[in-house]
Amino acid sequence: MLSEQNFSLEHIEEVRGSRKVDKTILERSIYALGLLEALARVGLPFIFKGGTSLLLLLDSPMRLSTDIDIIVEPGTDFEHYIEEASKIIPFKAKEEQERKRAGSIEKRHYKFTYDSPAYGREFYILLDILFEENHYARTIQKPIKSPLLITEEPYINVTMPTADCIMGDKLTAFAPYTTGIPFGIDKELEIIKQMYDVSCLFDVFENFNDVHDSYMATVQSEISYREKDITYRDALLDTIDASACIAGRGQIGKDYELYLSGIRAIVNHIFDGKFSAEMAVTRACKVMYTAACVLTDSEIKRIESTEEYLKRSIPVERYNKLSKIKRLAPDGYAYAVEAMELLKKFEEK
């Protein structure tokens, strides 16, 4: 269980230490995990997903996340559980946030308010509930434990997708013109969050089939929800375009300035405070390669040595400006070569 000390200014300052991470975001990330435990303690049956789930899936915090996303089976009598969770420390109240409904899948949104120890006023954590059947290839039981938290036995477990399944899920969200978060007012940060998360999960994935199958299930759900006349291939090509734009640093595509604003904004959300346009190049190339693997049903492999790749060229003409990243990011270039070779084979079919 979480100790009440988690919700003190002393704990927040201790976790923050000398890091440049935004104190508000750190506080809200800790409180978000407090809300997660409250939902589990009252017995609500749910699957925990979304960006905050990476705080449990990864050994070390990478990107801080301040809301809770869960899946609940349609027809679940959930309101009693929500009411009971709002009474558990550190929360004082809950309020439903009305939003215009789009698509065929039911969603509900709640604000859970608390008194901020850092700022002496009310803040809130947002709970997003998606009502649908579980479509993940594999789920696990994971204790609510993190380097951000003070915990003690008995630990509270939550059901969540594996890192591989979340990777497939999040890949659909990084496709701004099809199934992903679209460009819009203040949406650039949210788009970059998806790219960053997929690249972090790339470093720990184990089972390509789970990545692939979860992607396929999620992308079909998103296409249906948005009522779009596209296929999963269109979404993956969108992801490849977006990744190439970021990796090419303005040399490919027209949206780089938008992505750059998201890259600059995400720095305050990175736990060690280190991220830049240059660092985004390799991460974007890993995402590009992941999308190409799913597109062609090819096993993902991690590249141990870049030497042989530096002798190879980018085989798809419209992306040949990716060759300019060879010196800046040899690791990224290696993944770009792999991605483009797969894409070329796909387009030649």
Protein backbone atom coordinates (compact mmCIF):
# COMPACT_ATOMS: atom_id res chain seq x y z
CA MET A 1 0.00 0.00 0.00
CA LEU A 2 1.01 3.61 -0.44
CA SER A 3 2.19 5.41 2.66
CA GLU A 4 0.47 8.72 3.43
CA GLN A 5 3.96 10.25 3.37
CA ASN A 6 3.75 10.12 -0.44
CA PHE A 7 1.38 13.05 -0.34
CA SER A 8 3.67 15.39 1.60
CA LEU A 9 5.80 18.24 0.31
CA GLU A 10 8.85 16.64 1.93
CA HIS A 11 8.45 13.48 -0.13
CA ILE A 12 7.89 15.37 -3.37
CA GLU A 13 11.01 17.47 -2.77
CA GLU A 14 13.04 14.39 -1.87
CA VAL A 15 12.04 12.57 -5.07
CA ARG A 16 12.71 15.66 -7.13
CA GLY A 17 16.16 16.22 -5.64
CA SER A 18 18.35 18.21 -8.00
CA ARG A 19 16.36 17.25 -11.09
CA LYS A 20 14.88 19.98 -13.26
CA VAL A 21 11.55 18.19 -13.57
CA ASP A 22 8.50 20.39 -13.00
CA LYS A 23 7.40 20.07 -9.36
CA THR A 24 3.71 20.34 -10.23
CA ILE A 25 3.93 17.50 -12.73
CA LEU A 26 5.87 15.34 -10.27
CA GLU A 27 3.31 15.97 -7.54
CA ARG A 28 0.41 15.14 -9.84
CA SER A 29 2.13 11.96 -11.05
CA ILE A 30 2.45 10.74 -7.47
CA TYR A 31 -1.17 11.64 -6.74
CA ALA A 32 -2.29 9.90 -9.94
CA LEU A 33 -0.79 6.68 -8.62
CA GLY A 34 -2.66 7.40 -5.39
CA LEU A 35 -5.90 7.50 -7.38
CA LEU A 36 -4.96 4.25 -9.09
CA GLU A 37 -4.56 2.56 -5.73
CA ALA A 38 -7.84 4.03 -4.47
CA LEU A 39 -9.70 2.53 -7.44
CA ALA A 40 -8.08 -0.85 -6.82
CA ARG A 41 -8.78 -0.76 -3.08
CA VAL A 42 -12.53 -0.24 -3.54
CA GLY A 43 -12.71 -3.27 -5.83
CA LEU A 44 -13.53 -1.68 -9.17
CA PRO A 45 -12.78 -4.24 -11.93
CA PHE A 46 -10.65 -2.48 -14.54
CA ILE A 47 -7.60 -2.65 -16.79
CA PHE A 48 -5.04 0.10 -16.26
CA LYS A 49 -3.59 1.52 -19.47
CA GLY A 50 -2.17 4.78 -20.86
CA GLY A 51 0.96 6.81 -20.23
CA THR A 52 0.87 6.56 -16.45
CA SER A 53 1.03 2.77 -16.72
CA LEU A 54 4.67 3.11 -17.84
CA LEU A 55 5.51 4.27 -14.30
CA LEU A 56 4.77 0.69 -13.21
CA LEU A 57 5.99 -1.14 -16.31
CA LEU A 58 9.45 0.44 -16.54
CA ASP A 59 12.12 -0.08 -13.88
CA SER A 60 12.97 3.63 -13.85
CA PRO A 61 10.61 6.57 -14.42
CA MET A 62 11.05 8.08 -17.88
CA ARG A 63 8.11 10.38 -18.61
CA LEU A 64 5.88 11.62 -15.81
CA SER A 65 2.16 11.34 -16.41
CA THR A 66 -0.65 12.91 -14.45
CA ASP A 67 -3.91 11.14 -15.28
CA ILE A 68 -5.35 7.66 -15.06
CA ASP A 69 -6.77 5.76 -18.03
CA ILE A 70 -8.74 2.58 -17.43
CA ILE A 71 -10.88 0.15 -19.39
CA VAL A 72 -14.10 -1.10 -17.79
CA GLU A 73 -16.42 -3.71 -19.28
CA PRO A 74 -19.63 -2.24 -20.71
CA GLY A 75 -22.53 -2.52 -18.30
CA THR A 76 -20.36 -2.35 -15.17
CA ASP A 77 -22.10 -0.58 -12.27
CA PHE A 78 -19.08 1.63 -11.61
CA GLU A 79 -20.47 4.80 -10.01
CA HIS A 80 -20.50 3.38 -6.47
CA TYR A 81 -16.81 2.49 -6.80
CA ILE A 82 -15.97 5.97 -8.08
CA GLU A 83 -17.76 7.55 -5.13
CA GLU A 84 -15.92 5.35 -2.61
CA ALA A 85 -12.53 6.00 -4.23
CA SER A 86 -13.05 9.75 -3.90
CA LYS A 87 -13.20 9.35 -0.10
CA ILE A 88 -9.74 7.75 0.19
CA ILE A 89 -6.77 9.90 1.23
CA PRO A 90 -5.55 12.19 -0.34
CA PHE A 91 -8.75 12.95 -2.25
CA LYS A 92 -11.58 15.14 -1.01
CA ALA A 93 -14.16 15.08 -3.82
CA LYS A 94 -14.90 14.00 -7.37
CA GLU A 95 -16.76 15.66 -10.20
CA GLU A 96 -17.79 14.31 -13.58
CA GLN A 97 -16.39 16.28 -16.49
CA GLU A 98 -18.94 16.47 -19.27
CA ARG A 99 -17.55 16.17 -22.79
CA LYS A 100 -19.20 16.02 -26.16
CA ARG A 101 -19.45 12.39 -27.16
CA ALA A 102 -17.83 11.38 -30.43
CA GLY A 103 -17.90 7.92 -31.96
CA SER A 104 -19.67 4.81 -30.78
CA ILE A 105 -17.61 3.86 -27.70
CA GLU A 106 -18.76 5.20 -24.34
CA LYS A 107 -16.27 7.25 -22.33
CA ARG A 108 -16.63 8.98 -18.95
CA HIS A 109 -14.32 11.50 -17.34
CA TYR A 110 -13.93 12.46 -13.67
CA LYS A 111 -11.88 15.01 -11.76
CA PHE A 112 -10.61 13.92 -8.33
CA THR A 113 -9.60 16.96 -6.30
CA TYR A 114 -6.94 17.23 -3.60
CA ASP A 115 -5.13 19.97 -1.70
CA SER A 116 -1.69 20.52 -3.19
CA PRO A 117 1.05 20.44 -0.53
CA ALA A 118 3.37 22.33 -2.88
CA TYR A 119 1.02 25.19 -3.73
CA GLY A 120 -1.62 25.28 -0.99
CA ARG A 121 -4.61 25.15 -3.33
CA GLU A 122 -6.83 22.59 -5.01
CA PHE A 123 -5.49 20.52 -7.89
CA TYR A 124 -7.13 17.55 -9.56
CA ILE A 125 -6.28 14.22 -11.18
CA LEU A 126 -8.28 13.23 -14.25
CA LEU A 127 -9.74 9.74 -14.56
CA ASP A 128 -10.69 8.62 -18.07
CA ILE A 129 -12.89 5.53 -18.30
CA LEU A 130 -13.29 3.68 -21.58
CA PHE A 131 -16.14 1.16 -21.71
CA GLU A 132 -15.14 -1.71 -23.98
CA GLU A 133 -14.08 -5.35 -23.88
CA ASN A 134 -10.44 -6.18 -23.27
CA HIS A 135 -8.66 -6.42 -26.63
CA TYR A 136 -5.11 -6.84 -25.35
CA ALA A 137 -3.21 -9.97 -26.29
CA ARG A 138 -1.87 -10.35 -22.75
CA THR A 139 -2.48 -8.76 -19.35
CA ILE A 140 -0.55 -9.09 -16.10
CA GLN A 141 -1.00 -8.35 -12.42
CA LYS A 142 1.41 -5.63 -11.34
CA PRO A 143 1.91 -4.19 -7.83
CA ILE A 144 1.63 -0.43 -7.45
CA LYS A 145 5.33 0.16 -6.82
CA SER A 146 7.62 2.80 -8.28
CA PRO A 147 10.79 4.72 -7.37
CA LEU A 148 8.43 7.70 -7.03
CA LEU A 149 6.56 6.06 -4.16
CA ILE A 150 6.94 5.01 -0.54
CA THR A 151 5.19 1.64 -0.33
CA GLU A 152 4.62 -0.96 2.34
CA GLU A 153 3.06 -4.41 2.48
CA PRO A 154 0.48 -5.54 1.59
CA TYR A 155 0.99 -4.29 -1.96
CA ILE A 156 -2.05 -3.54 -4.10
CA ASN A 157 -2.05 -5.16 -7.55
CA VAL A 158 -3.69 -3.86 -10.70
CA THR A 159 -4.46 -5.61 -13.98
CA MET A 160 -2.69 -4.04 -16.93
CA PRO A 161 -1.41 -4.90 -20.39
CA THR A 162 2.20 -6.02 -20.75
CA ALA A 163 4.79 -3.54 -22.01
CA ASP A 164 4.53 -5.20 -25.43
CA CYS A 165 0.78 -4.66 -25.57
CA ILE A 166 0.99 -1.05 -24.42
CA MET A 167 3.64 -0.51 -27.09
CA GLY A 168 1.23 -1.72 -29.77
CA ASP A 169 -1.57 0.38 -28.28
CA LYS A 170 0.49 3.56 -28.15
CA LEU A 171 1.79 3.10 -31.68
CA THR A 172 -1.76 3.76 -32.92
CA ALA A 173 -1.79 7.05 -31.00
CA PHE A 174 1.26 8.38 -32.85
CA ALA A 175 -0.41 8.81 -36.24
CA PRO A 176 -1.72 12.39 -36.31
CA TYR A 177 -3.60 12.21 -39.60
CA THR A 178 -5.32 8.87 -39.06
CA THR A 179 -5.80 7.04 -35.74
CA GLY A 180 -3.61 9.12 -33.45
CA ILE A 181 -3.88 12.34 -31.52
CA PRO A 182 -4.48 15.02 -34.19
CA PHE A 183 -2.75 18.35 -34.48
CA GLY A 184 -4.64 21.13 -32.74
CA ILE A 185 -4.43 23.70 -30.00
CA ASP A 186 -1.90 22.42 -27.44
CA LYS A 187 -1.98 18.92 -28.96
CA GLU A 188 1.66 18.85 -30.08
CA LEU A 189 2.85 17.88 -26.60
CA GLU A 190 0.37 15.00 -26.48
CA ILE A 191 1.57 13.76 -29.88
CA ILE A 192 5.23 13.79 -28.81
CA LYS A 193 4.33 11.95 -25.60
CA GLN A 194 3.16 9.00 -27.69
CA MET A 195 6.35 8.92 -29.76
CA TYR A 196 8.48 9.14 -26.61
CA ASP A 197 6.55 6.37 -24.85
CA VAL A 198 6.78 3.96 -27.80
CA SER A 199 10.53 4.56 -27.99
CA CYS A 200 10.91 3.80 -24.27
CA LEU A 201 8.90 0.60 -24.61
CA PHE A 202 11.00 -0.38 -27.63
CA ASP A 203 13.96 -0.77 -25.28
CA VAL A 204 12.16 -3.35 -23.11
CA PHE A 205 9.82 -5.19 -25.49
CA GLU A 206 10.02 -9.00 -25.59
CA ASN A 207 7.29 -10.42 -27.81
CA PHE A 208 6.68 -9.05 -31.31
CA ASN A 209 3.47 -11.03 -31.73
CA ASP A 210 1.94 -9.27 -28.73
CA VAL A 211 3.02 -5.86 -30.09
CA HIS A 212 1.55 -6.73 -33.48
CA ASP A 213 -1.70 -8.24 -32.22
CA SER A 214 -2.39 -5.44 -29.75
CA TYR A 215 -1.71 -2.88 -32.45
CA MET A 216 -4.14 -4.56 -34.82
CA ALA A 217 -6.88 -4.76 -32.20
CA THR A 218 -6.41 -1.16 -31.09
CA VAL A 219 -6.12 0.32 -34.56
CA GLN A 220 -9.31 -1.38 -35.73
CA SER A 221 -11.10 -0.06 -32.65
CA GLU A 222 -9.82 3.47 -33.34
CA ILE A 223 -10.77 3.32 -37.02
CA SER A 224 -14.28 2.19 -36.06
CA TYR A 225 -14.57 4.78 -33.28
CA ARG A 226 -13.56 7.61 -35.61
CA GLU A 227 -15.63 6.21 -38.48
CA LYS A 228 -12.71 6.58 -40.89
CA ASP A 229 -12.49 4.98 -44.32
CA ILE A 230 -8.90 3.77 -43.92
CA THR A 231 -6.98 0.59 -43.12
CA TYR A 232 -4.29 -0.18 -40.57
CA ARG A 233 -1.74 0.26 -43.36
CA ASP A 234 -2.72 3.91 -43.74
CA ALA A 235 -2.21 4.44 -40.02
CA LEU A 236 1.23 2.80 -40.05
CA LEU A 237 2.33 4.84 -43.07
CA ASP A 238 1.15 7.93 -41.19
CA THR A 239 3.34 6.90 -38.24
CA ILE A 240 6.32 6.38 -40.55
CA ASP A 241 5.77 9.85 -42.07
CA ALA A 242 5.54 11.47 -38.64
CA SER A 243 8.67 9.70 -37.41
CA ALA A 244 10.61 10.66 -40.54
CA CYS A 245 9.60 14.30 -40.14
CA ILE A 246 10.99 14.37 -36.59
CA ALA A 247 14.11 12.40 -37.48
CA GLY A 248 14.74 14.56 -40.55
CA ARG A 249 14.57 17.73 -38.43
CA GLY A 250 12.57 19.72 -40.95
CA GLN A 251 13.99 18.18 -44.11
CA ILE A 252 11.05 15.82 -44.59
CA GLY A 253 7.38 16.80 -44.43
CA LYS A 254 5.76 20.05 -43.40
CA ASP A 255 4.99 19.57 -39.71
CA TYR A 256 8.41 19.80 -38.06
CA GLU A 257 7.77 23.10 -36.29
CA LEU A 258 4.68 21.60 -34.68
CA TYR A 259 6.60 18.55 -33.53
CA LEU A 260 9.42 20.78 -32.30
CA SER A 261 7.02 22.70 -30.07
CA GLY A 262 5.97 19.37 -28.54
CA ILE A 263 9.59 18.31 -28.06
CA ARG A 264 10.33 21.55 -26.22
CA ALA A 265 7.22 21.20 -24.07
CA ILE A 266 7.87 17.60 -23.02
CA VAL A 267 11.17 18.42 -21.31
CA ASN A 268 9.36 19.36 -18.08
CA HIS A 269 7.71 15.93 -18.10
CA ILE A 270 10.93 13.91 -18.45
CA PHE A 271 12.04 12.66 -15.04
CA ASP A 272 15.74 13.32 -15.57
CA GLY A 273 14.95 16.53 -17.46
CA LYS A 274 16.98 15.55 -20.52
CA PHE A 275 15.41 15.72 -23.96
CA SER A 276 16.05 17.72 -27.11
CA ALA A 277 15.43 17.77 -30.85
CA GLU A 278 18.73 15.93 -31.32
CA MET A 279 17.79 13.23 -28.81
CA ALA A 280 14.40 12.86 -30.50
CA VAL A 281 16.06 11.71 -33.73
CA THR A 282 17.02 8.22 -32.53
CA ARG A 283 13.75 7.78 -30.64
CA ALA A 284 11.76 8.69 -33.76
CA CYS A 285 13.78 6.24 -35.85
CA LYS A 286 13.00 3.42 -33.40
CA VAL A 287 9.30 4.23 -33.72
CA MET A 288 9.58 4.39 -37.51
CA TYR A 289 11.23 0.98 -37.54
CA THR A 290 8.58 -0.46 -35.21
CA ALA A 291 5.82 0.77 -37.52
CA ALA A 292 7.61 -0.72 -40.55
CA CYS A 293 7.91 -4.07 -38.76
CA VAL A 294 4.21 -4.15 -37.92
CA LEU A 295 3.36 -3.06 -41.48
CA THR A 296 5.36 -5.93 -42.99
CA ASP A 297 4.83 -8.44 -40.16
CA SER A 298 8.60 -8.59 -39.59
CA GLU A 299 10.20 -9.39 -36.24
CA ILE A 300 11.59 -6.37 -34.41
CA LYS A 301 15.28 -6.70 -33.66
CA ARG A 302 17.49 -4.42 -31.61
CA ILE A 303 20.62 -3.24 -33.39
CA GLU A 304 23.80 -3.88 -31.42
CA SER A 305 26.34 -2.43 -33.89
CA THR A 306 25.78 0.40 -36.35
CA GLU A 307 28.97 -0.04 -38.36
CA GLU A 308 27.50 -1.99 -41.28
CA TYR A 309 24.49 0.33 -41.52
CA LEU A 310 26.63 3.42 -41.98
CA LYS A 311 27.76 1.97 -45.32
CA ARG A 312 24.17 1.54 -46.52
CA SER A 313 21.90 4.17 -48.04
CA ILE A 314 18.26 5.07 -47.58
CA PRO A 315 16.50 3.10 -50.35
CA VAL A 316 13.22 5.07 -50.49
CA GLU A 317 13.73 8.27 -52.44
CA ARG A 318 11.17 10.47 -50.67
CA TYR A 319 12.95 9.78 -47.39
CA ASN A 320 16.54 10.00 -48.64
CA LYS A 321 17.23 13.13 -46.59
CA LEU A 322 17.35 10.82 -43.58
CA SER A 323 20.91 10.13 -44.73
CA LYS A 324 21.83 13.46 -43.12
CA ILE A 325 21.37 12.01 -39.62
CA LYS A 326 24.18 9.50 -40.10
CA ARG A 327 26.76 11.52 -38.15
CA LEU A 328 24.38 13.07 -35.64
CA ALA A 329 22.67 9.81 -34.65
CA PRO A 330 24.31 6.64 -36.01
CA ASP A 331 21.97 4.46 -33.92
CA GLY A 332 18.98 6.29 -35.33
CA TYR A 333 20.33 6.00 -38.85
CA ALA A 334 20.68 2.24 -38.47
CA TYR A 335 17.02 1.91 -37.50
CA ALA A 336 16.05 4.28 -40.33
CA VAL A 337 17.87 2.05 -42.84
CA GLU A 338 16.08 -1.03 -41.51
CA ALA A 339 12.73 0.77 -41.63
CA MET A 340 13.22 2.01 -45.17
CA GLU A 341 14.38 -1.37 -46.47
CA LEU A 342 11.19 -2.91 -45.08
CA LEU A 343 9.10 -0.08 -46.53
CA LYS A 344 10.68 -0.51 -49.96
CA LYS A 345 9.82 -4.22 -49.99
CA PHE A 346 6.26 -3.38 -48.94
CA GLU A 347 5.85 -0.82 -51.72
CA GLU A 348 7.28 -3.15 -54.35
CA LYS A 349 4.69 -5.85 -53.67
